[in-house]
């Protein structure tokens, strides 16, 4: 195959501080977690029934 770039034995590594590392190191987010509500209320409570007196 004729390529304009010089023949390289190995493909170019992805941009990163340590491409040889199997998993990227994320000090800010070690594990992606979904946005959860308040820790006190894991499940959103339904609104209280509004009783409207019919005149």
N, C-alpha and C. Protein backbone atom coordinates (compact mmCIF):
# COMPACT_ATOMS: atom_id res chain seq x y z
N UNK A 1 0.84 -1.21 0.00
CA UNK A 1 0.00 0.00 0.00
C UNK A 1 0.88 1.25 0.00
N UNK A 2 0.49 2.22 -0.80
CA UNK A 2 1.29 3.44 -0.88
C UNK A 2 0.63 4.56 -0.08
N UNK A 3 1.28 4.94 1.04
CA UNK A 3 0.73 5.99 1.89
C UNK A 3 1.70 7.16 1.95
N UNK A 4 1.18 8.38 1.99
CA UNK A 4 2.04 9.57 2.03
C UNK A 4 2.86 9.63 3.32
N UNK A 5 2.31 9.04 4.39
CA UNK A 5 3.03 9.06 5.67
C UNK A 5 4.04 7.92 5.71
N UNK A 6 5.06 8.09 6.51
CA UNK A 6 6.09 7.05 6.60
C UNK A 6 5.49 5.80 7.27
N UNK A 7 5.92 4.61 6.82
CA UNK A 7 5.38 3.36 7.38
C UNK A 7 5.76 3.18 8.84
N UNK A 8 4.75 3.09 9.71
CA UNK A 8 5.04 2.92 11.13
C UNK A 8 4.68 1.49 11.55
N UNK A 9 5.53 0.85 12.34
CA UNK A 9 5.29 -0.55 12.77
C UNK A 9 4.06 -0.66 13.65
N UNK A 10 3.78 0.40 14.42
CA UNK A 10 2.62 0.36 15.32
C UNK A 10 1.77 1.60 15.10
N UNK A 11 0.44 1.46 15.27
CA UNK A 11 -0.45 2.61 15.09
C UNK A 11 -0.18 3.68 16.15
N UNK A 12 -0.50 4.93 15.81
CA UNK A 12 -0.25 6.03 16.74
C UNK A 12 -1.14 5.88 17.98
N UNK A 13 -0.55 6.00 19.18
CA UNK A 13 -1.32 5.88 20.42
C UNK A 13 -2.27 7.06 20.58
N UNK A 14 -3.40 6.84 21.27
CA UNK A 14 -4.36 7.93 21.48
C UNK A 14 -3.77 9.02 22.36
N UNK A 15 -4.22 10.27 22.20
CA UNK A 15 -3.70 11.38 23.01
C UNK A 15 -4.02 11.19 24.48
N UNK A 16 -2.99 11.17 25.32
CA UNK A 16 -3.23 10.97 26.75
C UNK A 16 -1.92 10.97 27.50
N UNK A 17 -1.97 11.15 28.82
CA UNK A 17 -0.75 11.19 29.64
C UNK A 17 -0.07 9.83 29.68
N UNK A 18 -0.85 8.76 29.67
CA UNK A 18 -0.30 7.41 29.74
C UNK A 18 -1.12 6.47 28.87
N UNK A 19 -0.78 6.41 27.56
CA UNK A 19 -1.54 5.58 26.62
C UNK A 19 -1.40 4.09 26.91
N UNK A 20 -0.29 3.71 27.57
CA UNK A 20 -0.06 2.29 27.86
C UNK A 20 -0.95 1.81 29.01
N UNK A 21 -1.55 2.77 29.74
CA UNK A 21 -2.42 2.39 30.86
C UNK A 21 -3.74 1.86 30.32
N UNK A 22 -4.21 0.69 30.81
CA UNK A 22 -5.46 0.10 30.32
C UNK A 22 -6.68 0.98 30.59
N UNK A 23 -6.69 1.61 31.76
CA UNK A 23 -7.83 2.47 32.08
C UNK A 23 -7.36 3.86 32.46
N UNK A 24 -8.06 4.90 31.94
CA UNK A 24 -7.68 6.29 32.23
C UNK A 24 -7.91 6.63 33.69
N UNK A 25 -7.00 7.46 34.24
CA UNK A 25 -7.13 7.84 35.65
C UNK A 25 -7.89 9.16 35.75
N UNK A 26 -9.06 9.11 36.40
CA UNK A 26 -9.87 10.32 36.54
C UNK A 26 -10.03 10.65 38.03
N UNK A 27 -9.19 11.58 38.53
CA UNK A 27 -9.25 11.96 39.94
C UNK A 27 -10.56 12.66 40.30
N UNK A 28 -11.14 13.32 39.29
CA UNK A 28 -12.37 14.07 39.55
C UNK A 28 -13.58 13.13 39.55
N UNK A 29 -13.58 12.20 38.57
CA UNK A 29 -14.69 11.25 38.50
C UNK A 29 -14.16 9.83 38.28
N UNK A 30 -13.89 9.13 39.38
CA UNK A 30 -13.36 7.76 39.26
C UNK A 30 -14.40 6.82 38.67
N UNK A 31 -15.67 7.06 38.99
CA UNK A 31 -16.74 6.22 38.47
C UNK A 31 -17.94 7.07 38.10
N UNK A 32 -18.33 7.04 36.82
CA UNK A 32 -19.48 7.84 36.38
C UNK A 32 -20.78 7.34 37.00
N UNK A 33 -21.42 8.19 37.81
CA UNK A 33 -22.67 7.80 38.44
C UNK A 33 -23.81 8.68 37.93
N UNK A 34 -25.01 8.08 37.74
CA UNK A 34 -26.16 8.86 37.27
C UNK A 34 -26.60 9.86 38.32
N UNK A 35 -27.18 10.99 37.89
CA UNK A 35 -27.64 12.02 38.83
C UNK A 35 -28.76 11.49 39.72
N UNK A 36 -28.47 11.41 41.03
CA UNK A 36 -29.48 10.90 41.95
C UNK A 36 -30.05 12.04 42.79
N UNK A 37 -31.34 11.90 43.22
CA UNK A 37 -31.99 12.95 44.03
C UNK A 37 -31.34 13.09 45.39
N UNK A 38 -32.01 13.77 46.32
CA UNK A 38 -31.44 13.99 47.65
C UNK A 38 -31.15 12.64 48.32
N UNK A 39 -30.05 12.59 49.08
CA UNK A 39 -29.67 11.35 49.77
C UNK A 39 -30.71 10.95 50.83
N UNK A 40 -31.44 11.93 51.33
CA UNK A 40 -32.44 11.64 52.37
C UNK A 40 -33.69 11.02 51.72
N UNK A 41 -34.02 11.49 50.49
CA UNK A 41 -35.19 10.97 49.80
C UNK A 41 -34.77 10.31 48.49
N UNK A 42 -34.48 9.01 48.53
CA UNK A 42 -34.06 8.30 47.31
C UNK A 42 -35.18 8.27 46.27
N UNK A 43 -36.43 8.31 46.76
CA UNK A 43 -37.56 8.28 45.83
C UNK A 43 -38.42 9.52 46.04
N UNK A 44 -38.73 10.21 44.92
CA UNK A 44 -39.54 11.43 45.01
C UNK A 44 -40.95 11.12 45.52
N UNK A 45 -41.34 11.78 46.63
CA UNK A 45 -42.68 11.52 47.19
C UNK A 45 -43.73 12.29 46.39
N UNK A 46 -44.89 11.65 46.17
CA UNK A 46 -45.96 12.31 45.40
C UNK A 46 -46.50 13.51 46.16
N UNK A 47 -46.98 14.53 45.44
CA UNK A 47 -47.52 15.73 46.08
C UNK A 47 -48.80 15.40 46.84
N UNK A 48 -49.05 16.12 47.95
CA UNK A 48 -50.26 15.87 48.75
C UNK A 48 -51.51 16.20 47.95
N UNK A 49 -52.58 15.42 48.14
CA UNK A 49 -53.83 15.66 47.40
C UNK A 49 -54.44 17.01 47.77
N UNK A 50 -54.68 17.81 46.76
CA UNK A 50 -55.26 19.14 47.01
C UNK A 50 -56.79 19.04 46.97
N UNK A 51 -57.41 19.31 48.15
CA UNK A 51 -58.86 19.22 48.20
C UNK A 51 -59.48 20.60 47.95
N UNK A 52 -60.21 20.71 46.82
CA UNK A 52 -60.83 22.00 46.49
C UNK A 52 -62.34 21.92 46.78
N UNK A 53 -62.78 22.68 47.79
CA UNK A 53 -64.22 22.66 48.13
C UNK A 53 -65.07 23.26 47.01
N UNK A 54 -66.05 22.49 46.59
CA UNK A 54 -66.89 23.00 45.50
C UNK A 54 -68.07 23.74 46.10
N UNK A 55 -68.17 25.05 45.80
CA UNK A 55 -69.26 25.84 46.39
C UNK A 55 -70.49 25.78 45.49
